[in-house]
Amino acid sequence: GVSSTSRSSHVPEPDSPLAWGSYPMVPWAGRIRSGRFTFDGTPHQLPINFETHAIHGVGFDAAWTVRDAAPDRVSLELVMPEGVAWPFGGIARQVVSVIDDTVRMELSVTAVDRAMPASIGWHPWFRKPDRVEFSPTAMYERDEFGIPTGALVDPTEGPWDDCFTGVTTPPLLQWPTGPIVTITSSCDHWVVYDAPVDAE
């Protein structure tokens, strides 16, 4: 396992775009060890943007193009750069809509000229809630660099910077003087990062 000291050491600088908002992670979510990976037999090196790793893709600090907007809905698109930051290009799209008391967020990524690897996700930030209900059945073991080993283990006590699975009940967040927020997803993997003292 990983000690609680190393769990809480992965904290982005407060003025980093990684540390605020609710941003899409495209065309990859999480850390790519040392920014290096191989796809179709070709090695690639991505720029390092968090400690010694490449993290959360190219969309979190990019300017997205508004394709369609209405009072209750916006559709955005990002033509991903084909270069050092991401060698494959591709197009990412997100749709954010408000229906009654629900915010619905949709995210997709599409290869254009050639096949590419991809994993996507959302990274919402919340002020630390007073009450959290979150009951996964398993989590991925992480090594000393914060990278999952692939082995599933029993969930540990936080603080977390971990990927969980087996979440059968939607997570719930509640604040003393605010709304109760429940989060649902079509994904079967959830990452919880609550290392900062004021954020979840």
C-alpha atoms as a PDB file:
ATOM      1  CA  GLY A   1       0.000   0.000   0.000  1.00  0.00           C
ATOM      2  CA  VAL A   2       0.864   3.697  -0.020  1.00  0.00           C
ATOM      3  CA  SER A   3       1.309   5.645   3.171  1.00  0.00           C
ATOM      4  CA  SER A   4      -0.957   8.570   3.996  1.00  0.00           C
ATOM      5  CA  THR A   5       2.066  10.868   3.765  1.00  0.00           C
ATOM      6  CA  SER A   6       2.704  10.042   0.119  1.00  0.00           C
ATOM      7  CA  ARG A   7      -1.045  10.075  -0.604  1.00  0.00           C
ATOM      8  CA  SER A   8      -1.343  13.714   0.395  1.00  0.00           C
ATOM      9  CA  SER A   9       1.875  14.893  -1.263  1.00  0.00           C
ATOM     10  CA  HIS A  10       0.400  15.170  -4.781  1.00  0.00           C
ATOM     11  CA  VAL A  11      -1.116  18.645  -4.537  1.00  0.00           C
ATOM     12  CA  PRO A  12      -1.125  21.070  -7.506  1.00  0.00           C
ATOM     13  CA  GLU A  13      -0.065  24.651  -6.928  1.00  0.00           C
ATOM     14  CA  PRO A  14      -3.094  26.840  -5.992  1.00  0.00           C
ATOM     15  CA  ASP A  15      -2.735  29.029  -9.104  1.00  0.00           C
ATOM     16  CA  SER A  16      -2.438  26.038 -11.461  1.00  0.00           C
ATOM     17  CA  PRO A  17      -5.363  25.412 -13.834  1.00  0.00           C
ATOM     18  CA  LEU A  18      -5.286  21.850 -12.458  1.00  0.00           C
ATOM     19  CA  ALA A  19      -6.411  23.157  -9.057  1.00  0.00           C
ATOM     20  CA  TRP A  20      -9.781  24.764  -9.771  1.00  0.00           C
ATOM     21  CA  GLY A  21     -13.008  24.612 -11.759  1.00  0.00           C
ATOM     22  CA  SER A  22     -14.602  21.581 -13.348  1.00  0.00           C
ATOM     23  CA  TYR A  23     -12.614  20.651 -16.374  1.00  0.00           C
ATOM     24  CA  PRO A  24     -12.612  17.886 -18.979  1.00  0.00           C
ATOM     25  CA  MET A  25      -9.614  15.560 -19.079  1.00  0.00           C
ATOM     26  CA  VAL A  26      -8.973  14.708 -22.748  1.00  0.00           C
ATOM     27  CA  PRO A  27      -7.501  12.769 -24.461  1.00  0.00           C
ATOM     28  CA  TRP A  28      -6.255  11.135 -21.261  1.00  0.00           C
ATOM     29  CA  ALA A  29      -7.285  11.246 -17.616  1.00  0.00           C
ATOM     30  CA  GLY A  30      -4.853  10.816 -14.751  1.00  0.00           C
ATOM     31  CA  ARG A  31      -1.095  10.424 -14.876  1.00  0.00           C
ATOM     32  CA  ILE A  32       1.034   9.005 -17.669  1.00  0.00           C
ATOM     33  CA  ARG A  33       4.237   7.872 -15.977  1.00  0.00           C
ATOM     34  CA  SER A  34       7.105  10.179 -16.966  1.00  0.00           C
ATOM     35  CA  GLY A  35       4.937  11.244 -19.935  1.00  0.00           C
ATOM     36  CA  ARG A  36       6.052   8.145 -21.863  1.00  0.00           C
ATOM     37  CA  PHE A  37       3.908   5.531 -23.573  1.00  0.00           C
ATOM     38  CA  THR A  38       4.000   3.260 -26.624  1.00  0.00           C
ATOM     39  CA  PHE A  39       1.125   2.968 -29.091  1.00  0.00           C
ATOM     40  CA  ASP A  40       1.129   0.671 -32.141  1.00  0.00           C
ATOM     41  CA  GLY A  41       4.803  -0.041 -31.497  1.00  0.00           C
ATOM     42  CA  THR A  42       5.852   3.626 -31.559  1.00  0.00           C
ATOM     43  CA  PRO A  43       7.187   5.281 -28.384  1.00  0.00           C
ATOM     44  CA  HIS A  44       5.900   8.766 -27.498  1.00  0.00           C
ATOM     45  CA  GLN A  45       7.036  11.415 -25.016  1.00  0.00           C
ATOM     46  CA  LEU A  46       4.508  13.955 -23.695  1.00  0.00           C
ATOM     47  CA  PRO A  47       5.449  17.171 -21.896  1.00  0.00           C
ATOM     48  CA  ILE A  48       5.702  16.837 -18.109  1.00  0.00           C
ATOM     49  CA  ASN A  49       3.163  19.095 -16.390  1.00  0.00           C
ATOM     50  CA  PHE A  50       2.768  17.663 -12.873  1.00  0.00           C
ATOM     51  CA  GLU A  51       5.685  16.514 -10.750  1.00  0.00           C
ATOM     52  CA  THR A  52       7.402  13.969 -13.047  1.00  0.00           C
ATOM     53  CA  HIS A  53       4.323  12.938 -15.055  1.00  0.00           C
ATOM     54  CA  ALA A  54       2.012  14.130 -17.832  1.00  0.00           C
ATOM     55  CA  ILE A  55      -1.431  14.618 -16.312  1.00  0.00           C
ATOM     56  CA  HIS A  56      -5.031  15.174 -17.442  1.00  0.00           C
ATOM     57  CA  GLY A  57      -4.586  15.764 -21.167  1.00  0.00           C
ATOM     58  CA  VAL A  58      -4.578  18.951 -23.219  1.00  0.00           C
ATOM     59  CA  GLY A  59      -8.141  20.222 -22.728  1.00  0.00           C
ATOM     60  CA  PHE A  60      -8.098  21.581 -19.160  1.00  0.00           C
ATOM     61  CA  ASP A  61      -6.347  24.859 -20.060  1.00  0.00           C
ATOM     62  CA  ALA A  62      -7.266  25.126 -23.753  1.00  0.00           C
ATOM     63  CA  ALA A  63      -9.708  27.554 -25.348  1.00  0.00           C
ATOM     64  CA  TRP A  64     -12.716  25.545 -26.551  1.00  0.00           C
ATOM     65  CA  THR A  65     -14.892  26.723 -29.444  1.00  0.00           C
ATOM     66  CA  VAL A  66     -18.595  27.300 -28.728  1.00  0.00           C
ATOM     67  CA  ARG A  67     -20.537  25.416 -31.402  1.00  0.00           C
ATOM     68  CA  ASP A  68     -24.029  26.023 -30.058  1.00  0.00           C
ATOM     69  CA  ALA A  69     -25.434  27.915 -27.082  1.00  0.00           C
ATOM     70  CA  ALA A  70     -28.852  28.358 -25.496  1.00  0.00           C
ATOM     71  CA  PRO A  71     -29.948  29.575 -22.047  1.00  0.00           C
ATOM     72  CA  ASP A  72     -29.919  25.998 -20.724  1.00  0.00           C
ATOM     73  CA  ARG A  73     -27.281  24.307 -22.906  1.00  0.00           C
ATOM     74  CA  VAL A  74     -23.845  24.843 -24.444  1.00  0.00           C
ATOM     75  CA  SER A  75     -21.964  22.674 -26.919  1.00  0.00           C
ATOM     76  CA  LEU A  76     -18.171  23.039 -27.089  1.00  0.00           C
ATOM     77  CA  GLU A  77     -15.461  21.597 -29.323  1.00  0.00           C
ATOM     78  CA  LEU A  78     -11.685  21.336 -29.142  1.00  0.00           C
ATOM     79  CA  VAL A  79      -9.569  20.425 -32.141  1.00  0.00           C
ATOM     80  CA  MET A  80      -6.640  18.875 -30.309  1.00  0.00           C
ATOM     81  CA  PRO A  81      -3.184  19.882 -31.467  1.00  0.00           C
ATOM     82  CA  GLU A  82      -1.155  17.366 -33.424  1.00  0.00           C
ATOM     83  CA  GLY A  83       2.323  17.939 -32.091  1.00  0.00           C
ATOM     84  CA  VAL A  84       4.456  17.643 -28.986  1.00  0.00           C
ATOM     85  CA  ALA A  85       1.583  18.005 -26.509  1.00  0.00           C
ATOM     86  CA  TRP A  86      -0.439  15.261 -28.239  1.00  0.00           C
ATOM     87  CA  PRO A  87       0.871  13.542 -31.386  1.00  0.00           C
ATOM     88  CA  PHE A  88      -2.440  12.229 -32.735  1.00  0.00           C
ATOM     89  CA  GLY A  89      -4.763  15.208 -33.125  1.00  0.00           C
ATOM     90  CA  GLY A  90      -8.449  14.350 -32.818  1.00  0.00           C
ATOM     91  CA  ILE A  91     -11.532  16.261 -31.727  1.00  0.00           C
ATOM     92  CA  ALA A  92     -13.017  16.519 -28.240  1.00  0.00           C
ATOM     93  CA  ARG A  93     -16.596  17.626 -27.635  1.00  0.00           C
ATOM     94  CA  GLN A  94     -18.509  18.502 -24.504  1.00  0.00           C
ATOM     95  CA  VAL A  95     -22.139  19.407 -23.899  1.00  0.00           C
ATOM     96  CA  VAL A  96     -23.262  21.000 -20.637  1.00  0.00           C
ATOM     97  CA  SER A  97     -26.988  21.354 -20.027  1.00  0.00           C
ATOM     98  CA  VAL A  98     -29.190  22.365 -17.091  1.00  0.00           C
ATOM     99  CA  ILE A  99     -32.489  20.533 -16.599  1.00  0.00           C
ATOM    100  CA  ASP A 100     -34.445  21.611 -13.508  1.00  0.00           C
ATOM    101  CA  ASP A 101     -32.046  20.974 -10.587  1.00  0.00           C
ATOM    102  CA  THR A 102     -29.661  18.790 -12.614  1.00  0.00           C
ATOM    103  CA  VAL A 103     -26.475  19.691 -14.471  1.00  0.00           C
ATOM    104  CA  ARG A 104     -25.766  17.127 -17.203  1.00  0.00           C
ATOM    105  CA  MET A 105     -22.270  16.938 -18.671  1.00  0.00           C
ATOM    106  CA  GLU A 106     -21.351  14.858 -21.728  1.00  0.00           C
ATOM    107  CA  LEU A 107     -17.831  14.344 -23.048  1.00  0.00           C
ATOM    108  CA  SER A 108     -16.451  12.538 -26.087  1.00  0.00           C
ATOM    109  CA  VAL A 109     -13.239  12.281 -28.072  1.00  0.00           C
ATOM    110  CA  THR A 110     -12.909  11.178 -31.696  1.00  0.00           C
ATOM    111  CA  ALA A 111      -9.857  10.199 -33.730  1.00  0.00           C
ATOM    112  CA  VAL A 112      -9.659  11.953 -37.107  1.00  0.00           C
ATOM    113  CA  ASP A 113      -6.756  11.018 -39.364  1.00  0.00           C
ATOM    114  CA  ARG A 114      -5.427   7.971 -37.496  1.00  0.00           C
ATOM    115  CA  ALA A 115      -6.118   5.653 -34.611  1.00  0.00           C
ATOM    116  CA  MET A 116      -5.152   6.883 -31.163  1.00  0.00           C
ATOM    117  CA  PRO A 117      -5.379   5.823 -27.542  1.00  0.00           C
ATOM    118  CA  ALA A 118      -7.775   7.756 -25.322  1.00  0.00           C
ATOM    119  CA  SER A 119      -9.322   7.833 -21.875  1.00  0.00           C
ATOM    120  CA  ILE A 120     -11.498  10.738 -20.818  1.00  0.00           C
ATOM    121  CA  GLY A 121     -13.179  12.054 -17.713  1.00  0.00           C
ATOM    122  CA  TRP A 122     -14.378  15.056 -15.755  1.00  0.00           C
ATOM    123  CA  HIS A 123     -12.479  16.684 -12.903  1.00  0.00           C
ATOM    124  CA  PRO A 124     -14.998  18.610 -10.780  1.00  0.00           C
ATOM    125  CA  TRP A 125     -13.740  20.453  -7.702  1.00  0.00           C
ATOM    126  CA  PHE A 126     -15.941  20.967  -4.647  1.00  0.00           C
ATOM    127  CA  ARG A 127     -15.309  22.864  -1.437  1.00  0.00           C
ATOM    128  CA  LYS A 128     -14.737  20.252   1.284  1.00  0.00           C
ATOM    129  CA  PRO A 129     -18.231  18.984   2.210  1.00  0.00           C
ATOM    130  CA  ASP A 130     -19.528  18.451   5.721  1.00  0.00           C
ATOM    131  CA  ARG A 131     -20.883  15.017   4.811  1.00  0.00           C
ATOM    132  CA  VAL A 132     -19.732  12.515   2.184  1.00  0.00           C
ATOM    133  CA  GLU A 133     -21.397   9.239   1.269  1.00  0.00           C
ATOM    134  CA  PHE A 134     -19.174   7.153  -0.977  1.00  0.00           C
ATOM    135  CA  SER A 135     -19.075   3.369  -0.784  1.00  0.00           C
ATOM    136  CA  PRO A 136     -16.917   1.654  -3.414  1.00  0.00           C
ATOM    137  CA  THR A 137     -16.113  -2.034  -3.122  1.00  0.00           C
ATOM    138  CA  ALA A 138     -12.524  -1.833  -4.421  1.00  0.00           C
ATOM    139  CA  MET A 139      -9.728   0.576  -5.300  1.00  0.00           C
ATOM    140  CA  TYR A 140      -6.573   0.329  -7.379  1.00  0.00           C
ATOM    141  CA  GLU A 141      -3.309  -0.003  -5.513  1.00  0.00           C
ATOM    142  CA  ARG A 142      -0.880   2.831  -6.291  1.00  0.00           C
ATOM    143  CA  ASP A 143       2.893   2.775  -6.327  1.00  0.00           C
ATOM    144  CA  GLU A 144       5.114   5.407  -4.693  1.00  0.00           C
ATOM    145  CA  PHE A 145       4.761   7.642  -7.772  1.00  0.00           C
ATOM    146  CA  GLY A 146       0.948   7.718  -7.600  1.00  0.00           C
ATOM    147  CA  ILE A 147       0.448   5.383 -10.577  1.00  0.00           C
ATOM    148  CA  PRO A 148      -2.009   2.453 -10.290  1.00  0.00           C
ATOM    149  CA  THR A 149      -0.316  -0.953 -10.358  1.00  0.00           C
ATOM    150  CA  GLY A 150      -3.371  -2.696 -11.818  1.00  0.00           C
ATOM    151  CA  ALA A 151      -4.061  -4.653  -8.624  1.00  0.00           C
ATOM    152  CA  LEU A 152      -7.416  -4.155  -6.877  1.00  0.00           C
ATOM    153  CA  VAL A 153      -7.381  -3.815  -3.086  1.00  0.00           C
ATOM    154  CA  ASP A 154      -9.913  -3.053  -0.361  1.00  0.00           C
ATOM    155  CA  PRO A 155     -10.666   0.679  -0.027  1.00  0.00           C
ATOM    156  CA  THR A 156      -8.528   2.458   2.570  1.00  0.00           C
ATOM    157  CA  GLU A 157      -9.175   5.505   4.718  1.00  0.00           C
ATOM    158  CA  GLY A 158      -8.435   8.858   3.053  1.00  0.00           C
ATOM    159  CA  PRO A 159      -7.101  11.260   2.163  1.00  0.00           C
ATOM    160  CA  TRP A 160      -7.403   9.840  -1.327  1.00  0.00           C
ATOM    161  CA  ASP A 161      -5.832  10.334  -4.702  1.00  0.00           C
ATOM    162  CA  ASP A 162      -7.172   7.019  -5.905  1.00  0.00           C
ATOM    163  CA  CYS A 163      -9.283   5.225  -8.482  1.00  0.00           C
ATOM    164  CA  PHE A 164     -12.254   3.212  -7.219  1.00  0.00           C
ATOM    165  CA  THR A 165     -14.640   0.719  -8.746  1.00  0.00           C
ATOM    166  CA  GLY A 166     -17.750  -1.124  -7.621  1.00  0.00           C
ATOM    167  CA  VAL A 167     -19.624   2.101  -6.830  1.00  0.00           C
ATOM    168  CA  THR A 168     -23.263   0.999  -6.696  1.00  0.00           C
ATOM    169  CA  THR A 169     -24.777   4.022  -4.909  1.00  0.00           C
ATOM    170  CA  PRO A 170     -24.317   7.537  -6.320  1.00  0.00           C
ATOM    171  CA  PRO A 171     -21.838   9.555  -4.238  1.00  0.00           C
ATOM    172  CA  LEU A 172     -23.474  12.250  -2.111  1.00  0.00           C
ATOM    173  CA  LEU A 173     -21.976  15.534  -0.870  1.00  0.00           C
ATOM    174  CA  GLN A 174     -23.638  17.858   1.650  1.00  0.00           C
ATOM    175  CA  TRP A 175     -22.678  21.222   3.135  1.00  0.00           C
ATOM    176  CA  PRO A 176     -24.121  22.899   6.262  1.00  0.00           C
ATOM    177  CA  THR A 177     -25.704  25.776   4.312  1.00  0.00           C
ATOM    178  CA  GLY A 178     -25.929  24.470   0.780  1.00  0.00           C
ATOM    179  CA  PRO A 179     -27.491  21.903  -1.496  1.00  0.00           C
ATOM    180  CA  ILE A 180     -27.160  18.153  -1.297  1.00  0.00           C
ATOM    181  CA  VAL A 181     -25.297  17.059  -4.420  1.00  0.00           C
ATOM    182  CA  THR A 182     -25.501  13.541  -5.822  1.00  0.00           C
ATOM    183  CA  ILE A 183     -23.234  12.511  -8.673  1.00  0.00           C
ATOM    184  CA  THR A 184     -24.147   9.864 -11.227  1.00  0.00           C
ATOM    185  CA  SER A 185     -22.104   8.626 -14.158  1.00  0.00           C
ATOM    186  CA  SER A 186     -22.182   6.070 -16.955  1.00  0.00           C
ATOM    187  CA  CYS A 187     -18.535   5.289 -16.101  1.00  0.00           C
ATOM    188  CA  ASP A 188     -17.582   2.417 -13.817  1.00  0.00           C
ATOM    189  CA  HIS A 189     -14.357   3.952 -12.465  1.00  0.00           C
ATOM    190  CA  TRP A 190     -14.296   6.913 -10.073  1.00  0.00           C
ATOM    191  CA  VAL A 191     -11.284   8.911  -8.916  1.00  0.00           C
ATOM    192  CA  VAL A 192     -11.503  10.753  -5.604  1.00  0.00           C
ATOM    193  CA  TYR A 193      -8.883  13.352  -4.803  1.00  0.00           C
ATOM    194  CA  ASP A 194      -9.309  15.050  -1.449  1.00  0.00           C
ATOM    195  CA  ALA A 195      -5.728  15.860  -0.445  1.00  0.00           C
ATOM    196  CA  PRO A 196      -6.184  19.667  -0.236  1.00  0.00           C
ATOM    197  CA  VAL A 197      -7.677  20.719   3.095  1.00  0.00           C
ATOM    198  CA  ASP A 198     -10.363  22.869   1.449  1.00  0.00           C
ATOM    199  CA  ALA A 199     -11.336  20.784  -1.572  1.00  0.00           C
ATOM    200  CA  GLU A 200     -12.823  17.412  -2.538  1.00  0.00           C
END
